[in-house]
């Protein structure tokens, strides 16, 4: 399956794409460091690709510009074929954030997901502090359906630092452990198509 947007193309993920991800930028915000693509050897990259793409219940896609540059990847995981639903994951090269690529990618992908793939619902999970991602998801019509606490990857995070004053409420400190809130969100076919004309 290949989906062509105004500025991007979405097509099945290739192993070369994963090698290309080693050239991506890194998030400056420490809260997002866990989203940076990890440093991996060639054999680890091939194993990562196999784990992601070999399951019958997962489908992964590369997101590239018209010149072929890979700027992101996405996956639909835990596909339930009878219920016609799955869980979304999407990651972009930090160098291409805040340029509208996330909105464009999801708009074109979800349209195909609900028509060509004939799916009914999509779920996702997003950290509460990731306001940018939440804004894009809500624009598509995703709604919060629950939340839970998850241990944050960096227990040394200094939440008293003024850098984090806007995100401080997203965390819970329990002894020496830090937890952040994760929202569960859901989008159904009817809601998406009621929003599609207003998505820009």
N, C-alpha and C. Protein backbone atom coordinates (compact mmCIF):
# COMPACT_ATOMS: atom_id res chain seq x y z
N UNK A 1 0.84 -1.19 0.00
CA UNK A 1 0.00 0.00 0.00
C UNK A 1 0.88 1.24 0.00
N UNK A 2 0.59 2.15 -0.90
CA UNK A 2 1.30 3.43 -0.95
C UNK A 2 0.28 4.55 -0.93
N UNK A 3 0.51 5.54 -0.07
CA UNK A 3 -0.40 6.68 0.07
C UNK A 3 0.39 7.94 -0.26
N UNK A 4 -0.11 8.71 -1.21
CA UNK A 4 0.60 9.92 -1.64
C UNK A 4 -0.17 11.14 -1.17
N UNK A 5 0.51 11.96 -0.37
CA UNK A 5 -0.07 13.20 0.11
C UNK A 5 0.45 14.39 -0.67
N UNK A 6 0.20 15.58 -0.15
CA UNK A 6 0.67 16.79 -0.83
C UNK A 6 2.19 16.90 -0.80
N UNK A 7 2.79 16.57 0.36
CA UNK A 7 4.23 16.70 0.51
C UNK A 7 4.93 15.41 0.88
N UNK A 8 4.16 14.40 1.25
CA UNK A 8 4.76 13.16 1.78
C UNK A 8 4.21 11.94 1.05
N UNK A 9 4.96 10.84 1.19
CA UNK A 9 4.51 9.53 0.71
C UNK A 9 4.62 8.55 1.86
N UNK A 10 3.58 7.75 2.04
CA UNK A 10 3.56 6.72 3.08
C UNK A 10 3.58 5.37 2.37
N UNK A 11 4.57 4.54 2.68
CA UNK A 11 4.66 3.23 2.02
C UNK A 11 5.29 2.23 2.99
N UNK A 12 5.23 0.95 2.70
CA UNK A 12 5.75 -0.05 3.63
C UNK A 12 7.20 0.25 4.04
N UNK A 13 7.49 0.04 5.33
CA UNK A 13 8.82 0.29 5.87
C UNK A 13 9.82 -0.70 5.30
N UNK A 14 11.00 -0.21 4.92
CA UNK A 14 12.08 -1.04 4.40
C UNK A 14 13.24 -1.04 5.39
N UNK A 15 14.06 -2.09 5.33
CA UNK A 15 15.17 -2.15 6.28
C UNK A 15 16.13 -0.98 6.07
N UNK A 16 16.28 -0.50 4.85
CA UNK A 16 17.15 0.65 4.60
C UNK A 16 16.64 1.89 5.33
N UNK A 17 15.33 1.98 5.50
CA UNK A 17 14.76 3.11 6.25
C UNK A 17 15.31 3.15 7.67
N UNK A 18 15.45 1.99 8.28
CA UNK A 18 15.92 1.94 9.67
C UNK A 18 17.38 2.38 9.74
N UNK A 19 18.17 2.00 8.73
CA UNK A 19 19.55 2.49 8.68
C UNK A 19 19.56 4.02 8.54
N UNK A 20 18.65 4.56 7.74
CA UNK A 20 18.57 6.00 7.55
C UNK A 20 18.20 6.73 8.84
N UNK A 21 17.46 6.07 9.73
CA UNK A 21 17.05 6.72 10.99
C UNK A 21 18.24 7.06 11.87
N UNK A 22 19.38 6.41 11.64
CA UNK A 22 20.57 6.73 12.43
C UNK A 22 21.07 8.14 12.14
N UNK A 23 20.61 8.73 11.04
CA UNK A 23 21.02 10.09 10.69
C UNK A 23 20.04 11.16 11.18
N UNK A 24 19.01 10.74 11.89
CA UNK A 24 18.03 11.70 12.37
C UNK A 24 18.62 12.59 13.46
N UNK A 25 17.96 13.73 13.67
CA UNK A 25 18.35 14.62 14.75
C UNK A 25 17.90 14.07 16.09
N UNK A 26 18.16 14.86 17.15
CA UNK A 26 17.76 14.46 18.49
C UNK A 26 16.93 15.55 19.14
N UNK A 27 16.00 15.15 19.99
CA UNK A 27 15.19 16.12 20.72
C UNK A 27 16.06 16.87 21.72
N UNK A 28 15.90 18.18 21.77
CA UNK A 28 16.61 18.98 22.76
C UNK A 28 15.93 18.90 24.12
N UNK A 29 14.61 18.78 24.12
CA UNK A 29 13.86 18.70 25.36
C UNK A 29 14.12 17.35 26.04
N UNK A 30 14.68 17.35 27.25
CA UNK A 30 14.96 16.06 27.92
C UNK A 30 13.72 15.20 28.15
N UNK A 31 12.54 15.81 28.21
CA UNK A 31 11.33 15.02 28.38
C UNK A 31 11.09 14.11 27.18
N UNK A 32 11.67 14.46 26.04
CA UNK A 32 11.44 13.70 24.81
C UNK A 32 12.63 12.84 24.40
N UNK A 33 13.65 12.77 25.26
CA UNK A 33 14.84 12.00 24.89
C UNK A 33 14.52 10.54 24.60
N UNK A 34 13.49 10.00 25.26
CA UNK A 34 13.14 8.61 25.04
C UNK A 34 12.59 8.38 23.64
N UNK A 35 12.21 9.47 22.94
CA UNK A 35 11.71 9.37 21.57
C UNK A 35 12.84 9.39 20.54
N UNK A 36 14.08 9.69 20.98
CA UNK A 36 15.20 9.68 20.05
C UNK A 36 15.46 8.26 19.56
N UNK A 37 15.81 8.16 18.28
CA UNK A 37 16.08 6.83 17.74
C UNK A 37 17.36 6.30 18.39
N UNK A 38 17.33 5.09 18.94
CA UNK A 38 18.49 4.58 19.69
C UNK A 38 19.67 4.26 18.79
N UNK A 39 20.85 4.32 19.38
CA UNK A 39 22.07 3.94 18.67
C UNK A 39 22.12 2.41 18.58
N UNK A 40 22.20 1.89 17.36
CA UNK A 40 22.17 0.44 17.18
C UNK A 40 23.20 0.01 16.14
N UNK A 41 23.74 -1.18 16.31
CA UNK A 41 24.64 -1.76 15.32
C UNK A 41 23.83 -2.23 14.12
N UNK A 42 24.53 -2.60 13.05
CA UNK A 42 23.85 -3.09 11.85
C UNK A 42 22.99 -4.31 12.16
N UNK A 43 23.52 -5.24 12.94
CA UNK A 43 22.75 -6.46 13.25
C UNK A 43 21.55 -6.13 14.14
N UNK A 44 21.71 -5.17 15.05
CA UNK A 44 20.58 -4.76 15.89
C UNK A 44 19.49 -4.09 15.07
N UNK A 45 19.89 -3.34 14.06
CA UNK A 45 18.91 -2.69 13.19
C UNK A 45 18.10 -3.74 12.43
N UNK A 46 18.79 -4.73 11.89
CA UNK A 46 18.07 -5.78 11.15
C UNK A 46 17.13 -6.54 12.08
N UNK A 47 17.55 -6.79 13.31
CA UNK A 47 16.69 -7.48 14.27
C UNK A 47 15.49 -6.60 14.62
N UNK A 48 15.72 -5.30 14.85
CA UNK A 48 14.64 -4.36 15.16
C UNK A 48 13.61 -4.37 14.03
N UNK A 49 14.10 -4.33 12.79
CA UNK A 49 13.21 -4.33 11.62
C UNK A 49 12.40 -5.63 11.57
N UNK A 50 13.06 -6.76 11.80
CA UNK A 50 12.36 -8.04 11.76
C UNK A 50 11.27 -8.12 12.84
N UNK A 51 11.60 -7.67 14.05
CA UNK A 51 10.63 -7.71 15.14
C UNK A 51 9.41 -6.85 14.80
N UNK A 52 9.66 -5.69 14.22
CA UNK A 52 8.56 -4.77 13.92
C UNK A 52 7.68 -5.26 12.77
N UNK A 53 8.28 -5.87 11.75
CA UNK A 53 7.56 -6.09 10.50
C UNK A 53 7.10 -7.53 10.25
N UNK A 54 7.61 -8.49 10.99
CA UNK A 54 7.30 -9.88 10.66
C UNK A 54 5.98 -10.38 11.23
N UNK A 55 5.44 -9.68 12.21
CA UNK A 55 4.18 -10.13 12.82
C UNK A 55 3.01 -9.87 11.88
N UNK A 56 2.11 -10.84 11.78
CA UNK A 56 0.91 -10.70 10.97
C UNK A 56 -0.02 -9.64 11.54
N UNK A 57 0.15 -9.31 12.82
CA UNK A 57 -0.75 -8.38 13.50
C UNK A 57 -0.18 -6.96 13.61
N UNK A 58 0.93 -6.70 12.93
CA UNK A 58 1.52 -5.36 12.88
C UNK A 58 1.79 -4.98 11.44
N UNK A 59 1.65 -3.70 11.12
CA UNK A 59 2.05 -3.19 9.81
C UNK A 59 2.80 -1.88 10.03
N UNK A 60 4.00 -1.77 9.43
CA UNK A 60 4.82 -0.57 9.61
C UNK A 60 5.06 0.12 8.29
N UNK A 61 5.14 1.44 8.36
CA UNK A 61 5.25 2.28 7.16
C UNK A 61 6.32 3.35 7.35
N UNK A 62 7.01 3.66 6.26
CA UNK A 62 7.93 4.79 6.25
C UNK A 62 7.21 6.02 5.72
N UNK A 63 7.61 7.18 6.23
CA UNK A 63 7.05 8.46 5.79
C UNK A 63 8.19 9.25 5.16
N UNK A 64 8.09 9.54 3.88
CA UNK A 64 9.19 10.22 3.20
C UNK A 64 8.69 11.44 2.44
N UNK A 65 9.63 12.36 2.21
CA UNK A 65 9.35 13.53 1.39
C UNK A 65 9.38 13.12 -0.07
N UNK A 66 9.00 14.06 -0.93
CA UNK A 66 8.98 13.76 -2.37
C UNK A 66 10.38 13.45 -2.90
N UNK A 67 11.43 13.98 -2.24
CA UNK A 67 12.80 13.69 -2.69
C UNK A 67 13.32 12.37 -2.14
N UNK A 68 12.48 11.64 -1.41
CA UNK A 68 12.86 10.32 -0.89
C UNK A 68 13.40 10.32 0.53
N UNK A 69 13.65 11.49 1.10
CA UNK A 69 14.18 11.54 2.47
C UNK A 69 13.16 11.01 3.46
N UNK A 70 13.61 10.09 4.31
CA UNK A 70 12.73 9.52 5.34
C UNK A 70 12.65 10.50 6.51
N UNK A 71 11.42 10.91 6.86
CA UNK A 71 11.26 11.85 7.97
C UNK A 71 10.47 11.24 9.14
N UNK A 72 9.99 10.02 8.98
CA UNK A 72 9.24 9.41 10.07
C UNK A 72 8.85 7.98 9.73
N UNK A 73 8.32 7.31 10.72
CA UNK A 73 7.74 5.98 10.49
C UNK A 73 6.53 5.84 11.39
N UNK A 74 5.65 4.95 11.01
CA UNK A 74 4.45 4.71 11.79
C UNK A 74 4.08 3.24 11.71
N UNK A 75 3.32 2.81 12.72
CA UNK A 75 2.88 1.43 12.72
C UNK A 75 1.46 1.32 13.25
N UNK A 76 0.75 0.35 12.74
CA UNK A 76 -0.51 -0.04 13.38
C UNK A 76 -0.25 -1.42 13.97
N UNK A 77 -0.45 -1.50 15.28
CA UNK A 77 -0.07 -2.69 16.04
C UNK A 77 -1.31 -3.34 16.64
N UNK A 78 -1.12 -4.59 17.08
CA UNK A 78 -2.21 -5.32 17.73
C UNK A 78 -3.49 -5.28 16.89
N UNK A 79 -3.33 -5.51 15.59
CA UNK A 79 -4.48 -5.46 14.68
C UNK A 79 -5.47 -6.57 15.03
N UNK A 80 -6.71 -6.18 15.23
CA UNK A 80 -7.79 -7.12 15.48
C UNK A 80 -8.69 -7.12 14.24
N UNK A 81 -8.53 -8.12 13.41
CA UNK A 81 -9.17 -8.13 12.11
C UNK A 81 -10.69 -8.28 12.21
N UNK A 82 -11.17 -9.04 13.18
CA UNK A 82 -12.62 -9.20 13.31
C UNK A 82 -13.27 -7.93 13.85
N UNK A 83 -12.63 -7.30 14.83
CA UNK A 83 -13.17 -6.05 15.38
C UNK A 83 -12.85 -4.84 14.50
N UNK A 84 -11.90 -5.03 13.55
CA UNK A 84 -11.47 -3.96 12.64
C UNK A 84 -10.93 -2.77 13.41
N UNK A 85 -9.93 -3.03 14.27
CA UNK A 85 -9.31 -1.97 15.06
C UNK A 85 -7.84 -2.30 15.28
N UNK A 86 -7.07 -1.28 15.64
CA UNK A 86 -5.65 -1.45 15.91
C UNK A 86 -5.16 -0.28 16.76
N UNK A 87 -3.88 -0.32 17.10
CA UNK A 87 -3.26 0.73 17.92
C UNK A 87 -2.18 1.44 17.11
N UNK A 88 -2.20 2.75 17.12
CA UNK A 88 -1.28 3.57 16.32
C UNK A 88 -0.02 3.91 17.09
N UNK A 89 1.10 3.90 16.38
CA UNK A 89 2.36 4.45 16.88
C UNK A 89 2.98 5.26 15.75
N UNK A 90 3.50 6.45 16.07
CA UNK A 90 4.09 7.29 15.02
C UNK A 90 5.26 8.08 15.59
N UNK A 91 6.36 8.14 14.83
CA UNK A 91 7.59 8.81 15.27
C UNK A 91 8.14 9.61 14.11
N UNK A 92 8.58 10.86 14.40
CA UNK A 92 9.18 11.71 13.37
C UNK A 92 10.61 12.09 13.74
N UNK A 93 11.43 12.30 12.72
CA UNK A 93 12.73 12.91 12.89
C UNK A 93 12.51 14.27 13.54
N UNK A 94 13.16 14.55 14.69
CA UNK A 94 12.95 15.84 15.36
C UNK A 94 13.21 17.06 14.47
N UNK A 95 14.03 16.88 13.43
CA UNK A 95 14.31 18.00 12.51
C UNK A 95 13.10 18.42 11.69
N UNK A 96 12.05 17.60 11.70
CA UNK A 96 10.88 17.88 10.86
C UNK A 96 9.59 18.05 11.67
N UNK A 97 9.75 18.39 12.94
CA UNK A 97 8.59 18.65 13.77
C UNK A 97 8.12 20.09 13.60
N UNK A 98 6.87 20.34 13.95
CA UNK A 98 6.27 21.68 13.88
C UNK A 98 6.24 22.25 12.46
N UNK A 99 6.14 21.35 11.47
CA UNK A 99 6.06 21.77 10.07
C UNK A 99 4.78 21.27 9.41
N UNK A 100 3.90 20.68 10.20
CA UNK A 100 2.63 20.19 9.65
C UNK A 100 2.68 18.79 9.06
N UNK A 101 3.83 18.12 9.15
CA UNK A 101 3.93 16.79 8.55
C UNK A 101 3.11 15.75 9.32
N UNK A 102 3.02 15.90 10.64
CA UNK A 102 2.22 14.96 11.41
C UNK A 102 0.75 15.03 11.04
N UNK A 103 0.25 16.25 10.91
CA UNK A 103 -1.15 16.43 10.52
C UNK A 103 -1.41 15.87 9.13
N UNK A 104 -0.53 16.19 8.18
CA UNK A 104 -0.72 15.69 6.82
C UNK A 104 -0.66 14.16 6.77
N UNK A 105 0.32 13.59 7.46
CA UNK A 105 0.48 12.14 7.46
C UNK A 105 -0.75 11.44 8.01
N UNK A 106 -1.22 11.90 9.16
CA UNK A 106 -2.37 11.24 9.78
C UNK A 106 -3.64 11.44 8.97
N UNK A 107 -3.82 12.61 8.40
CA UNK A 107 -5.02 12.85 7.60
C UNK A 107 -5.10 11.87 6.43
N UNK A 108 -4.02 11.72 5.68
CA UNK A 108 -4.03 10.83 4.53
C UNK A 108 -4.06 9.36 4.95
N UNK A 109 -3.30 9.04 6.01
CA UNK A 109 -3.26 7.64 6.43
C UNK A 109 -4.61 7.19 6.98
N UNK A 110 -5.22 8.00 7.83
CA UNK A 110 -6.49 7.61 8.44
C UNK A 110 -7.59 7.49 7.40
N UNK A 111 -7.56 8.33 6.39
CA UNK A 111 -8.56 8.22 5.32
C UNK A 111 -8.44 6.86 4.63
N UNK A 112 -7.20 6.43 4.37
CA UNK A 112 -6.99 5.12 3.76
C UNK A 112 -7.32 3.99 4.74
N UNK A 113 -6.96 4.18 5.98
CA UNK A 113 -7.21 3.17 7.03
C UNK A 113 -8.70 2.85 7.14
N UNK A 114 -9.53 3.89 7.10
CA UNK A 114 -10.97 3.70 7.27
C UNK A 114 -11.70 3.35 5.97
N UNK A 115 -11.05 3.50 4.83
CA UNK A 115 -11.71 3.17 3.57
C UNK A 115 -11.06 1.94 2.92
N UNK A 116 -9.83 2.08 2.42
CA UNK A 116 -9.17 0.95 1.75
C UNK A 116 -8.99 -0.25 2.67
N UNK A 117 -8.60 0.01 3.92
CA UNK A 117 -8.38 -1.09 4.86
C UNK A 117 -9.67 -1.49 5.58
N UNK A 118 -10.71 -0.67 5.43
CA UNK A 118 -12.04 -0.97 5.97
C UNK A 118 -12.03 -1.20 7.48
N UNK A 119 -11.23 -0.38 8.20
CA UNK A 119 -11.18 -0.49 9.64
C UNK A 119 -12.23 0.42 10.28
N UNK A 120 -12.57 0.12 11.53
CA UNK A 120 -13.63 0.88 12.21
C UNK A 120 -13.12 1.82 13.30
N UNK A 121 -12.05 1.41 13.99
CA UNK A 121 -11.55 2.19 15.11
C UNK A 121 -10.04 2.16 15.16
N UNK A 122 -9.47 3.20 15.77
CA UNK A 122 -8.04 3.22 16.04
C UNK A 122 -7.82 3.74 17.45
N UNK A 123 -6.85 3.14 18.14
CA UNK A 123 -6.47 3.55 19.49
C UNK A 123 -5.03 4.05 19.47
N UNK A 124 -4.66 4.80 20.49
CA UNK A 124 -3.27 5.20 20.68
C UNK A 124 -3.07 5.57 22.13
N UNK A 125 -1.80 5.68 22.52
CA UNK A 125 -1.43 6.15 23.85
C UNK A 125 -0.42 7.28 23.70
N UNK A 126 -0.54 8.32 24.53
CA UNK A 126 0.34 9.48 24.42
C UNK A 126 0.60 10.03 25.82
N UNK A 127 1.84 10.45 26.06
CA UNK A 127 2.19 11.04 27.35
C UNK A 127 1.48 12.37 27.53
N UNK A 128 1.04 12.64 28.75
CA UNK A 128 0.30 13.87 29.02
C UNK A 128 1.14 15.11 28.72
N UNK A 129 2.46 15.03 28.96
CA UNK A 129 3.29 16.21 28.72
C UNK A 129 3.52 16.49 27.25
N UNK A 130 3.19 15.54 26.38
CA UNK A 130 3.42 15.71 24.95
C UNK A 130 2.23 16.46 24.32
N UNK A 131 2.15 17.75 24.65
CA UNK A 131 1.00 18.55 24.23
C UNK A 131 0.92 18.69 22.71
N UNK A 132 2.06 18.74 22.04
CA UNK A 132 2.06 18.89 20.59
C UNK A 132 1.38 17.70 19.92
N UNK A 133 1.74 16.50 20.34
CA UNK A 133 1.14 15.30 19.75
C UNK A 133 -0.35 15.24 20.07
N UNK A 134 -0.71 15.55 21.31
CA UNK A 134 -2.12 15.53 21.68
C UNK A 134 -2.95 16.47 20.82
N UNK A 135 -2.38 17.63 20.53
CA UNK A 135 -3.10 18.62 19.70
C UNK A 135 -3.40 18.06 18.31
N UNK A 136 -2.41 17.37 17.72
CA UNK A 136 -2.61 16.77 16.39
C UNK A 136 -3.67 15.67 16.46
N UNK A 137 -3.58 14.83 17.47
CA UNK A 137 -4.55 13.72 17.59
C UNK A 137 -5.97 14.24 17.76
N UNK A 138 -6.13 15.26 18.59
CA UNK A 138 -7.47 15.81 18.80
C UNK A 138 -8.01 16.45 17.53
N UNK A 139 -7.12 17.03 16.74
CA UNK A 139 -7.53 17.60 15.46
C UNK A 139 -8.13 16.53 14.55
N UNK A 140 -7.61 15.30 14.64
CA UNK A 140 -8.11 14.19 13.84
C UNK A 140 -9.45 13.66 14.37
N UNK A 141 -9.75 14.00 15.64
CA UNK A 141 -10.99 13.51 16.24
C UNK A 141 -10.78 12.50 17.36
N UNK A 142 -9.52 12.18 17.69
CA UNK A 142 -9.26 11.27 18.80
C UNK A 142 -9.79 11.87 20.10
N UNK A 143 -10.35 11.01 20.94
CA UNK A 143 -10.88 11.43 22.23
C UNK A 143 -10.25 10.62 23.35
N UNK A 144 -10.04 11.26 24.50
CA UNK A 144 -9.50 10.56 25.67
C UNK A 144 -10.53 9.57 26.20
N UNK A 145 -10.07 8.35 26.47
CA UNK A 145 -10.99 7.34 27.03
C UNK A 145 -10.47 6.78 28.34
N UNK A 146 -9.29 7.25 28.80
CA UNK A 146 -8.74 6.77 30.06
C UNK A 146 -7.30 7.20 30.21
N UNK A 147 -6.72 6.91 31.36
CA UNK A 147 -5.32 7.23 31.57
C UNK A 147 -4.76 6.31 32.65
N UNK A 148 -3.42 6.23 32.70
CA UNK A 148 -2.76 5.45 33.74
C UNK A 148 -1.40 6.06 34.00
N UNK A 149 -0.76 5.67 35.10
CA UNK A 149 0.57 6.14 35.43
C UNK A 149 1.60 5.13 34.95
N UNK A 150 2.68 5.64 34.37
CA UNK A 150 3.76 4.79 33.89
C UNK A 150 5.07 5.35 34.42
N UNK A 151 5.97 4.47 34.83
CA UNK A 151 7.26 4.94 35.33
C UNK A 151 8.03 5.67 34.22
N UNK A 152 8.52 6.86 34.53
CA UNK A 152 9.25 7.66 33.54
C UNK A 152 10.65 7.07 33.38
N UNK A 153 11.19 7.15 32.16
CA UNK A 153 12.46 6.49 31.88
C UNK A 153 13.63 7.13 32.61
N UNK A 154 13.50 8.41 33.03
CA UNK A 154 14.60 9.14 33.66
C UNK A 154 14.24 9.47 35.11
N UNK A 155 14.72 8.67 36.04
CA UNK A 155 14.44 8.90 37.46
C UNK A 155 15.20 10.10 38.02
N UNK A 156 16.19 10.59 37.28
CA UNK A 156 17.00 11.73 37.75
C UNK A 156 16.44 13.07 37.29
N UNK A 157 15.29 13.07 36.65
CA UNK A 157 14.69 14.31 36.15
C UNK A 157 14.43 15.27 37.31
N UNK A 158 14.91 16.50 37.17
CA UNK A 158 14.74 17.52 38.20
C UNK A 158 13.50 18.34 37.88
N UNK A 159 12.38 17.95 38.46
CA UNK A 159 11.12 18.63 38.14
C UNK A 159 11.02 20.02 38.77
N UNK A 160 11.97 20.36 39.66
CA UNK A 160 11.98 21.71 40.23
C UNK A 160 12.65 22.71 39.30
N UNK A 161 13.31 22.21 38.29
CA UNK A 161 13.95 23.08 37.30
C UNK A 161 12.86 23.88 36.57
N UNK A 162 13.08 25.19 36.42
CA UNK A 162 12.06 26.06 35.79
C UNK A 162 11.76 25.63 34.36
N UNK A 163 12.66 24.88 33.74
CA UNK A 163 12.45 24.39 32.38
C UNK A 163 11.18 23.56 32.28
N UNK A 164 10.82 22.90 33.40
CA UNK A 164 9.70 21.97 33.38
C UNK A 164 8.44 22.53 34.03
N UNK A 165 8.39 23.83 34.31
CA UNK A 165 7.26 24.36 35.09
C UNK A 165 5.92 24.10 34.41
N UNK A 166 5.86 24.12 33.09
CA UNK A 166 4.59 23.89 32.40
C UNK A 166 4.21 22.42 32.36
N UNK A 167 5.18 21.53 32.49
CA UNK A 167 4.90 20.10 32.40
C UNK A 167 4.88 19.42 33.78
N UNK A 168 5.18 20.18 34.81
CA UNK A 168 5.35 19.61 36.15
C UNK A 168 4.11 18.84 36.62
N UNK A 169 2.92 19.33 36.27
CA UNK A 169 1.69 18.69 36.72
C UNK A 169 1.48 17.32 36.09
N UNK A 170 2.27 16.98 35.07
CA UNK A 170 2.10 15.71 34.37
C UNK A 170 2.80 14.56 35.08
N UNK A 171 3.52 14.86 36.17
CA UNK A 171 4.35 13.85 36.81
C UNK A 171 3.95 13.63 38.27
N UNK A 172 4.23 12.44 38.74
CA UNK A 172 3.97 12.08 40.14
C UNK A 172 5.28 11.51 40.70
N UNK A 173 5.69 12.00 41.85
CA UNK A 173 6.91 11.51 42.48
C UNK A 173 6.52 10.60 43.64
N UNK A 174 7.06 9.37 43.63
CA UNK A 174 6.78 8.41 44.68
C UNK A 174 8.14 7.89 45.18
N UNK A 175 8.62 8.51 46.26
CA UNK A 175 9.95 8.17 46.73
C UNK A 175 10.98 8.65 45.73
N UNK A 176 11.78 7.73 45.20
CA UNK A 176 12.79 8.10 44.21
C UNK A 176 12.34 7.84 42.79
N UNK A 177 11.12 7.37 42.63
CA UNK A 177 10.62 7.06 41.29
C UNK A 177 9.72 8.17 40.78
N UNK A 178 9.80 8.42 39.49
CA UNK A 178 8.96 9.44 38.84
C UNK A 178 8.05 8.74 37.84
N UNK A 179 6.76 9.08 37.89
CA UNK A 179 5.78 8.50 36.98
C UNK A 179 5.14 9.61 36.16
N UNK A 180 4.77 9.30 34.93
CA UNK A 180 4.03 10.28 34.13
C UNK A 180 2.71 9.68 33.68
N UNK A 181 1.76 10.57 33.44
CA UNK A 181 0.44 10.14 33.01
C UNK A 181 0.45 9.81 31.52
N UNK A 182 -0.18 8.71 31.18
CA UNK A 182 -0.35 8.29 29.79
C UNK A 182 -1.84 8.30 29.48
N UNK A 183 -2.22 9.04 28.45
CA UNK A 183 -3.62 9.05 28.02
C UNK A 183 -3.86 7.97 26.98
N UNK A 184 -4.99 7.30 27.10
CA UNK A 184 -5.46 6.38 26.06
C UNK A 184 -6.50 7.13 25.25
N UNK A 185 -6.39 7.06 23.93
CA UNK A 185 -7.29 7.80 23.05
C UNK A 185 -7.89 6.87 22.01
N UNK A 186 -9.06 7.25 21.50
CA UNK A 186 -9.76 6.42 20.52
C UNK A 186 -10.35 7.29 19.43
N UNK A 187 -10.35 6.77 18.21
CA UNK A 187 -10.98 7.44 17.07
C UNK A 187 -11.80 6.42 16.30
N UNK A 188 -13.05 6.75 15.99
CA UNK A 188 -13.85 5.86 15.14
C UNK A 188 -14.05 6.49 13.77
N UNK A 189 -14.45 5.65 12.85
CA UNK A 189 -14.57 6.06 11.45
C UNK A 189 -15.49 7.27 11.27
N UNK A 190 -16.65 7.23 11.90
CA UNK A 190 -17.63 8.31 11.72
C UNK A 190 -17.09 9.64 12.24
N UNK A 191 -16.42 9.61 13.39
CA UNK A 191 -15.87 10.85 13.96
C UNK A 191 -14.81 11.44 13.04
N UNK A 192 -13.94 10.57 12.50
CA UNK A 192 -12.88 11.08 11.61
C UNK A 192 -13.48 11.77 10.39
N UNK A 193 -14.45 11.13 9.74
CA UNK A 193 -14.99 11.71 8.52
C UNK A 193 -15.86 12.95 8.80
N UNK A 194 -16.30 13.09 10.03
CA UNK A 194 -17.01 14.33 10.38
C UNK A 194 -16.03 15.48 10.57
N UNK A 195 -14.73 15.17 10.77
CA UNK A 195 -13.71 16.19 11.01
C UNK A 195 -12.87 16.50 9.77
N UNK A 196 -12.87 15.59 8.81
CA UNK A 196 -11.85 15.64 7.76
C UNK A 196 -11.84 16.95 6.96
N UNK A 197 -13.00 17.53 6.74
CA UNK A 197 -13.05 18.75 5.93
C UNK A 197 -12.41 19.93 6.64
N UNK A 198 -12.27 19.86 7.98
CA UNK A 198 -11.70 20.98 8.73
C UNK A 198 -10.23 20.76 9.10
N UNK A 199 -9.67 19.60 8.73
CA UNK A 199 -8.27 19.30 9.07
C UNK A 199 -7.33 20.02 8.11
N UNK A 200 -6.47 20.85 8.65
CA UNK A 200 -5.50 21.60 7.82
C UNK A 200 -4.11 21.46 8.41
